[in-house]
Amino acid sequence: MQPRARAHLSADALAHNLRGLSEHAGVPLILPVKANAYGHGLKEVVRASRELPQLWGYAVAMPLEAAELVALNPGKPVLLLTPAAPDELRELTDLGVLLHVSSPDELAALPPAARVHLKVDTGMNRLGVRPEQAAEVGRKLQERGQLAGLYTHLASADDPDLSSARRQLELFAQVRAELPGVPAHAANGAGVLAFGRLPGMALARPGLASYGYAPAHLAQVLPLRPVMTLRARVGAVHTVRAGESVSYGGLWTARQDTLAATVQVGYADGYPRNASGQAQLWVQGQRRDVLGRICMDQLMLDVSGLDVKPGDWLEVWGEDSIRPAEVAAWGGVAEYELLTGVGTRVERVLAD
């Protein structure tokens, strides 16, 4: 069966981004591949990145993701960024996954062979040991030969005002001083772009930036390239006569006879329904308006005056057409939501 939508992934763009980010940070990178590699496809992203010298390892959010990643034999460390349930710890340890510890209470359940990265909560207030407790917990892990790393997460490095992020880094530095020699990491993508080289850090964890996206005020720091180009097939072409409406609710009515293409991508595939009324697709070098409300599986597009036929592939978003940031804005979502929402029906294709 033929796919109706394809996410074309550029291995060259991913390598370009990771090289630039590693050089800017001055350290090797942990590549977050949670949520199906931010919607890009776990298998494809690992295949494209596993041999890159800038890459130290990978990070995921869920134990199931860790197990799936290990099964791909990435050849690099796999770090779990959230707590695992006690009955998952031995299997994860046996798989060689680096575990997350964010509470003193978690130590008792750790298998003897576990290796962990200790999370310090410096202001995100999501997960982590408080700074005043972190050194004590870290020393206990060291005594057991289990402490492999130390990290925190910056809550607002994407804000032009970096005072909060700097305060977090100061708190983290105090903890690091009490646990010398432990590999540490703090910078997410915005942190890498905003701060560059951070003293005392062994690694960095750029997420969305690795896939080609940066906050607007940091976009000129590095020439990042979007890794994904999304395309969809035309299912049908028909004429909407003047006075007729299109799609649910009749939000759009033709003022004149209009040639419409029914394109086989919809909100179940990750194209935001709330973009209705603003959305456009790229057709033969032109922006063309989406007509009416976006459906679960399809959308309708004005292709008047163009030679478009069933089976043609149209560009939904890409590096040289309509950027995902624009589509996300139409839908009232962040780029994170747009990309991670690209559904399983969309085929992932890796290209050099």
Protein backbone atom coordinates (compact mmCIF):
# COMPACT_ATOMS: atom_id res chain seq x y z
CA MET A 1 0.00 0.00 0.00
CA GLN A 2 1.27 3.45 -0.85
CA PRO A 3 1.72 6.10 1.86
CA ARG A 4 -0.41 9.21 1.68
CA ALA A 5 2.12 11.44 3.45
CA ARG A 6 5.89 11.28 3.83
CA ALA A 7 8.33 12.97 6.16
CA HIS A 8 11.60 13.29 4.24
CA LEU A 9 14.50 13.49 6.70
CA SER A 10 17.84 14.98 5.75
CA ALA A 11 20.80 13.19 7.31
CA ASP A 12 23.00 15.99 6.02
CA ALA A 13 20.92 18.64 7.82
CA LEU A 14 21.02 16.68 11.08
CA ALA A 15 24.80 16.26 10.86
CA HIS A 16 25.17 19.96 10.04
CA ASN A 17 23.15 20.96 13.11
CA LEU A 18 24.94 18.62 15.48
CA ARG A 19 28.37 19.73 14.27
CA GLY A 20 27.48 23.39 14.71
CA LEU A 21 25.92 22.93 18.13
CA SER A 22 28.83 20.85 19.42
CA GLU A 23 31.35 23.40 18.21
CA HIS A 24 29.37 26.25 19.75
CA ALA A 25 29.01 24.44 23.08
CA GLY A 26 32.60 23.18 23.01
CA VAL A 27 31.51 19.72 24.19
CA PRO A 28 30.03 16.50 22.77
CA LEU A 29 26.26 16.21 22.65
CA ILE A 30 23.51 14.07 24.11
CA LEU A 31 20.81 13.94 21.44
CA PRO A 32 17.26 13.75 22.83
CA VAL A 33 15.28 11.26 20.74
CA LYS A 34 12.19 11.08 22.96
CA ALA A 35 8.71 11.17 21.39
CA ASN A 36 9.90 9.31 18.28
CA ALA A 37 12.86 11.68 17.89
CA TYR A 38 10.63 14.75 18.15
CA GLY A 39 8.37 13.23 15.53
CA HIS A 40 11.17 12.63 13.03
CA GLY A 41 11.41 8.87 13.51
CA LEU A 42 13.62 7.14 16.07
CA LYS A 43 15.09 4.54 13.70
CA GLU A 44 15.87 7.07 11.03
CA VAL A 45 17.47 9.60 13.38
CA VAL A 46 19.65 6.97 15.05
CA ARG A 47 20.76 5.66 11.66
CA ALA A 48 21.64 9.18 10.55
CA SER A 49 23.53 10.17 13.71
CA ARG A 50 25.10 7.12 15.33
CA GLU A 51 28.50 7.51 13.62
CA LEU A 52 28.84 11.25 14.16
CA PRO A 53 31.89 12.05 16.34
CA GLN A 54 30.11 15.01 17.96
CA LEU A 55 27.54 12.70 19.50
CA TRP A 56 28.21 11.23 22.95
CA GLY A 57 24.87 9.48 23.35
CA TYR A 58 21.10 9.65 23.29
CA ALA A 59 18.39 10.60 25.78
CA VAL A 60 14.78 9.47 26.09
CA ALA A 61 11.90 10.18 28.45
CA MET A 62 10.24 6.78 28.89
CA PRO A 63 11.55 3.29 29.78
CA LEU A 64 9.80 1.85 26.72
CA GLU A 65 11.67 4.36 24.56
CA ALA A 66 14.93 3.34 26.22
CA ALA A 67 14.30 -0.33 25.51
CA GLU A 68 13.40 0.43 21.89
CA LEU A 69 16.51 2.54 21.48
CA VAL A 70 18.80 -0.11 22.96
CA ALA A 71 17.28 -2.67 20.57
CA LEU A 72 18.45 -0.46 17.69
CA ASN A 73 22.01 -1.01 18.98
CA PRO A 74 22.93 2.68 18.75
CA GLY A 75 26.52 2.04 19.84
CA LYS A 76 26.40 4.97 22.27
CA PRO A 77 25.10 5.50 25.82
CA VAL A 78 21.36 5.78 26.40
CA LEU A 79 20.19 8.10 29.20
CA LEU A 80 16.72 7.95 30.73
CA LEU A 81 15.53 11.45 31.72
CA THR A 82 12.64 10.50 34.05
CA PRO A 83 12.21 8.13 36.99
CA ALA A 84 11.57 4.47 36.23
CA ALA A 85 9.21 2.32 38.28
CA PRO A 86 10.97 0.03 40.77
CA ASP A 87 10.03 -3.09 38.81
CA GLU A 88 11.61 -1.62 35.65
CA LEU A 89 14.99 -0.81 37.15
CA ARG A 90 16.67 -4.21 36.85
CA GLU A 91 15.70 -4.69 33.22
CA LEU A 92 16.89 -1.21 32.36
CA THR A 93 20.14 -1.80 34.22
CA ASP A 94 20.64 -5.09 32.39
CA LEU A 95 20.10 -3.23 29.12
CA GLY A 96 22.88 -0.80 30.06
CA VAL A 97 20.59 2.22 30.28
CA LEU A 98 21.87 5.13 32.37
CA LEU A 99 19.16 5.73 34.94
CA HIS A 100 17.72 8.98 36.29
CA VAL A 101 17.71 9.76 40.01
CA SER A 102 15.83 12.81 41.24
CA SER A 103 15.00 11.89 44.84
CA PRO A 104 16.87 10.35 47.79
CA ASP A 105 14.00 7.87 48.06
CA GLU A 106 14.94 6.33 44.71
CA LEU A 107 18.31 5.05 45.90
CA ALA A 108 17.00 2.07 47.84
CA ALA A 109 15.50 0.40 44.78
CA LEU A 110 18.54 0.80 42.53
CA PRO A 111 20.18 -2.47 41.48
CA PRO A 112 23.85 -2.67 42.53
CA ALA A 113 25.04 -2.52 38.93
CA ALA A 114 22.98 0.58 38.08
CA ARG A 115 24.72 3.62 36.67
CA VAL A 116 22.87 6.90 37.09
CA HIS A 117 22.84 10.59 36.27
CA LEU A 118 21.67 12.62 39.25
CA LYS A 119 19.14 15.34 38.37
CA VAL A 120 19.39 18.60 40.32
CA ASP A 121 16.34 20.86 40.44
CA THR A 122 17.73 24.38 40.13
CA GLY A 123 14.44 26.07 39.31
CA MET A 124 12.38 24.06 36.83
CA ASN A 125 10.43 22.44 39.70
CA ARG A 126 9.57 19.39 37.65
CA LEU A 127 12.08 16.73 38.68
CA GLY A 128 15.29 16.71 40.65
CA VAL A 129 16.95 16.76 44.04
CA ARG A 130 17.03 20.22 45.59
CA PRO A 131 20.50 21.82 45.44
CA GLU A 132 20.99 21.67 49.21
CA GLN A 133 20.42 17.89 49.16
CA ALA A 134 22.19 17.08 45.91
CA ALA A 135 25.77 16.74 47.17
CA GLU A 136 24.75 14.30 49.92
CA VAL A 137 22.77 12.15 47.48
CA GLY A 138 25.62 12.32 44.98
CA ARG A 139 28.16 11.16 47.55
CA LYS A 140 25.98 8.20 48.49
CA LEU A 141 25.81 7.22 44.84
CA GLN A 142 29.58 7.63 44.54
CA GLU A 143 30.15 5.37 47.53
CA ARG A 144 28.14 2.71 45.72
CA GLY A 145 30.01 3.27 42.45
CA GLN A 146 26.81 4.32 40.70
CA LEU A 147 27.20 8.04 39.94
CA ALA A 148 27.98 8.52 36.23
CA GLY A 149 26.74 12.06 35.70
CA LEU A 150 25.12 15.16 37.12
CA TYR A 151 22.62 17.40 35.34
CA THR A 152 19.96 20.06 35.52
CA HIS A 153 17.46 21.58 33.09
CA LEU A 154 17.17 25.25 32.19
CA ALA A 155 13.59 26.48 32.41
CA SER A 156 13.89 29.75 30.46
CA ALA A 157 17.04 29.77 28.37
CA ASP A 158 14.84 30.73 25.42
CA ASP A 159 13.95 34.03 27.12
CA PRO A 160 15.94 37.09 25.99
CA ASP A 161 16.31 37.90 29.69
CA LEU A 162 18.80 35.24 30.84
CA SER A 163 18.90 36.23 34.50
CA SER A 164 16.83 33.23 35.60
CA ALA A 165 18.95 30.81 33.57
CA ARG A 166 22.12 32.32 34.99
CA ARG A 167 20.79 31.85 38.51
CA GLN A 168 20.11 28.20 37.73
CA LEU A 169 23.65 27.77 36.44
CA GLU A 170 25.04 29.37 39.60
CA LEU A 171 23.11 26.93 41.79
CA PHE A 172 24.28 24.05 39.64
CA ALA A 173 27.89 25.23 39.88
CA GLN A 174 27.66 25.11 43.67
CA VAL A 175 26.56 21.49 43.51
CA ARG A 176 29.25 20.61 40.98
CA ALA A 177 31.89 22.10 43.27
CA GLU A 178 30.88 19.60 45.96
CA LEU A 179 31.03 16.68 43.51
CA PRO A 180 34.20 17.41 41.53
CA GLY A 181 35.06 15.29 38.54
CA VAL A 182 31.51 14.13 37.80
CA PRO A 183 30.55 14.73 34.15
CA ALA A 184 27.90 17.46 34.11
CA HIS A 185 25.40 18.82 31.59
CA ALA A 186 22.81 21.60 31.70
CA ALA A 187 22.33 23.30 28.35
CA ASN A 188 19.32 22.50 26.22
CA GLY A 189 19.18 23.85 22.66
CA ALA A 190 18.36 27.40 23.69
CA GLY A 191 21.04 27.18 26.38
CA VAL A 192 23.67 26.14 23.84
CA LEU A 193 22.72 28.97 21.51
CA ALA A 194 22.48 31.60 24.26
CA PHE A 195 25.55 30.70 26.31
CA GLY A 196 27.91 28.82 24.02
CA ARG A 197 30.69 27.28 26.11
CA LEU A 198 29.70 26.83 29.73
CA PRO A 199 32.56 26.34 32.20
CA GLY A 200 32.71 22.96 33.87
CA MET A 201 30.30 21.20 31.51
CA ALA A 202 31.23 17.92 29.87
CA LEU A 203 28.14 17.58 27.66
CA ALA A 204 25.12 19.46 26.29
CA ARG A 205 21.59 18.28 25.43
CA PRO A 206 20.17 20.29 22.51
CA GLY A 207 16.73 18.96 21.63
CA LEU A 208 14.69 20.97 19.12
CA ALA A 209 17.79 22.83 17.94
CA SER A 210 19.29 19.52 16.78
CA TYR A 211 16.35 19.14 14.44
CA GLY A 212 16.79 22.65 13.04
CA TYR A 213 14.75 25.08 15.14
CA ALA A 214 15.72 27.97 17.40
CA PRO A 215 13.92 30.75 19.29
CA ALA A 216 13.49 33.73 16.98
CA HIS A 217 15.94 35.95 18.84
CA LEU A 218 18.62 33.23 18.66
CA ALA A 219 18.05 32.18 15.07
CA GLN A 220 21.12 34.07 13.82
CA VAL A 221 23.53 32.43 16.27
CA LEU A 222 23.92 29.31 14.13
CA PRO A 223 22.61 28.51 10.63
CA LEU A 224 20.46 25.57 11.69
CA ARG A 225 18.67 23.55 9.00
CA PRO A 226 15.26 21.89 9.46
CA VAL A 227 15.70 18.14 9.19
CA MET A 228 12.13 17.33 8.12
CA THR A 229 10.29 18.12 4.91
CA LEU A 230 6.66 16.95 4.98
CA ARG A 231 4.91 16.06 1.74
CA ALA A 232 1.44 14.69 0.97
CA ARG A 233 -0.28 13.18 -2.06
CA VAL A 234 -3.17 14.65 -4.00
CA GLY A 235 -6.11 12.26 -3.77
CA ALA A 236 -8.52 14.02 -6.08
CA VAL A 237 -9.01 17.21 -8.09
CA HIS A 238 -12.42 18.76 -8.63
CA THR A 239 -14.15 22.07 -9.36
CA VAL A 240 -16.00 23.91 -6.62
CA ARG A 241 -18.63 26.02 -8.31
CA ALA A 242 -19.28 29.63 -7.40
CA GLY A 243 -21.53 29.80 -4.34
CA GLU A 244 -20.61 26.32 -3.06
CA SER A 245 -18.88 25.83 0.29
CA VAL A 246 -16.06 23.51 1.28
CA SER A 247 -15.57 21.16 4.24
CA TYR A 248 -17.25 20.96 7.66
CA GLY A 249 -19.27 23.96 8.70
CA GLY A 250 -19.05 25.66 5.31
CA LEU A 251 -16.38 28.08 6.52
CA TRP A 252 -15.27 28.92 2.97
CA THR A 253 -17.52 29.66 0.01
CA ALA A 254 -16.31 30.00 -3.56
CA ARG A 255 -16.81 33.43 -5.11
CA GLN A 256 -16.02 31.97 -8.51
CA ASP A 257 -15.43 28.51 -9.92
CA THR A 258 -12.34 27.17 -8.11
CA LEU A 259 -10.16 24.16 -8.87
CA ALA A 260 -9.64 22.30 -5.60
CA ALA A 261 -7.24 19.47 -4.77
CA THR A 262 -8.07 17.12 -1.94
CA VAL A 263 -4.69 16.51 -0.26
CA GLN A 264 -4.22 13.40 1.87
CA VAL A 265 -2.95 14.85 5.11
CA GLY A 266 -4.99 16.01 8.10
CA TYR A 267 -4.96 16.58 11.81
CA ALA A 268 -4.56 12.86 12.53
CA ASP A 269 -1.23 13.15 10.71
CA GLY A 270 -0.14 16.21 12.67
CA TYR A 271 -1.43 19.09 10.57
CA PRO A 272 -3.19 21.37 13.09
CA ARG A 273 -6.95 21.67 12.67
CA ASN A 274 -6.83 25.15 14.19
CA ALA A 275 -4.80 26.31 11.19
CA SER A 276 -8.07 26.32 9.22
CA GLY A 277 -8.63 29.69 7.58
CA GLN A 278 -4.92 30.59 7.53
CA ALA A 279 -3.09 27.52 6.26
CA GLN A 280 -1.23 27.31 2.98
CA LEU A 281 0.70 24.60 1.14
CA TRP A 282 3.56 24.93 -1.33
CA VAL A 283 2.56 24.00 -4.88
CA GLN A 284 4.87 24.37 -7.88
CA GLY A 285 6.78 27.22 -6.28
CA GLN A 286 3.66 29.01 -5.02
CA ARG A 287 1.80 29.37 -1.74
CA ARG A 288 -1.77 28.15 -2.14
CA ASP A 289 -4.62 28.54 0.36
CA VAL A 290 -6.21 25.66 2.21
CA LEU A 291 -9.97 25.90 1.72
CA GLY A 292 -12.30 25.55 4.69
CA ARG A 293 -11.82 23.40 7.74
CA ILE A 294 -8.96 20.91 7.90
CA CYS A 295 -10.25 17.34 8.27
CA MET A 296 -8.85 14.35 10.14
CA ASP A 297 -7.36 12.73 7.04
CA GLN A 298 -7.49 15.36 4.30
CA LEU A 299 -7.54 19.03 3.46
CA MET A 300 -8.72 20.91 0.38
CA LEU A 301 -6.47 23.29 -1.49
CA ASP A 302 -6.99 25.98 -4.12
CA VAL A 303 -4.97 24.91 -7.19
CA SER A 304 -6.75 27.10 -9.75
CA GLY A 305 -4.62 27.68 -12.82
CA LEU A 306 -2.14 24.93 -11.98
CA ASP A 307 -1.57 21.54 -13.55
CA VAL A 308 -2.23 19.37 -10.50
CA LYS A 309 -3.50 15.82 -10.75
CA PRO A 310 -4.22 12.87 -8.43
CA GLY A 311 -1.02 11.19 -7.26
CA ASP A 312 1.06 14.37 -7.27
CA TRP A 313 3.12 15.10 -4.16
CA LEU A 314 2.78 18.57 -2.62
CA GLU A 315 5.01 20.14 0.02
CA VAL A 316 3.29 20.73 3.35
CA TRP A 317 6.34 22.28 5.02
CA GLY A 318 10.08 22.28 4.47
CA GLU A 319 13.37 24.15 4.54
CA ASP A 320 12.83 26.01 1.28
CA SER A 321 9.05 26.40 1.28
CA ILE A 322 6.72 27.00 4.23
CA ARG A 323 8.56 26.68 7.54
CA PRO A 324 7.09 24.61 10.38
CA ALA A 325 7.22 27.70 12.61
CA GLU A 326 4.65 29.34 10.37
CA VAL A 327 2.38 26.29 10.35
CA ALA A 328 2.68 26.05 14.14
CA ALA A 329 1.70 29.71 14.48
CA TRP A 330 -1.37 29.19 12.28
CA GLY A 331 -2.40 26.32 14.53
CA GLY A 332 -1.67 28.13 17.78
CA VAL A 333 0.88 25.51 18.87
CA ALA A 334 4.62 25.43 19.50
CA GLU A 335 6.98 23.83 17.01
CA TYR A 336 7.52 21.07 19.58
CA GLU A 337 3.83 20.18 19.41
CA LEU A 338 3.68 20.36 15.64
CA LEU A 339 6.64 18.06 15.08
CA THR A 340 5.92 15.52 17.79
CA GLY A 341 2.36 15.36 16.51
CA VAL A 342 3.38 13.98 13.11
CA GLY A 343 1.46 10.72 13.17
CA THR A 344 2.42 7.11 12.61
CA ARG A 345 0.58 7.03 9.28
CA VAL A 346 3.23 9.37 7.89
CA GLU A 347 6.07 7.40 6.32
CA ARG A 348 9.59 8.47 7.38
CA VAL A 349 12.20 8.44 4.62
CA LEU A 350 15.86 9.13 5.35
CA ALA A 351 17.94 10.78 2.65
CA ASP A 352 21.57 11.87 2.58
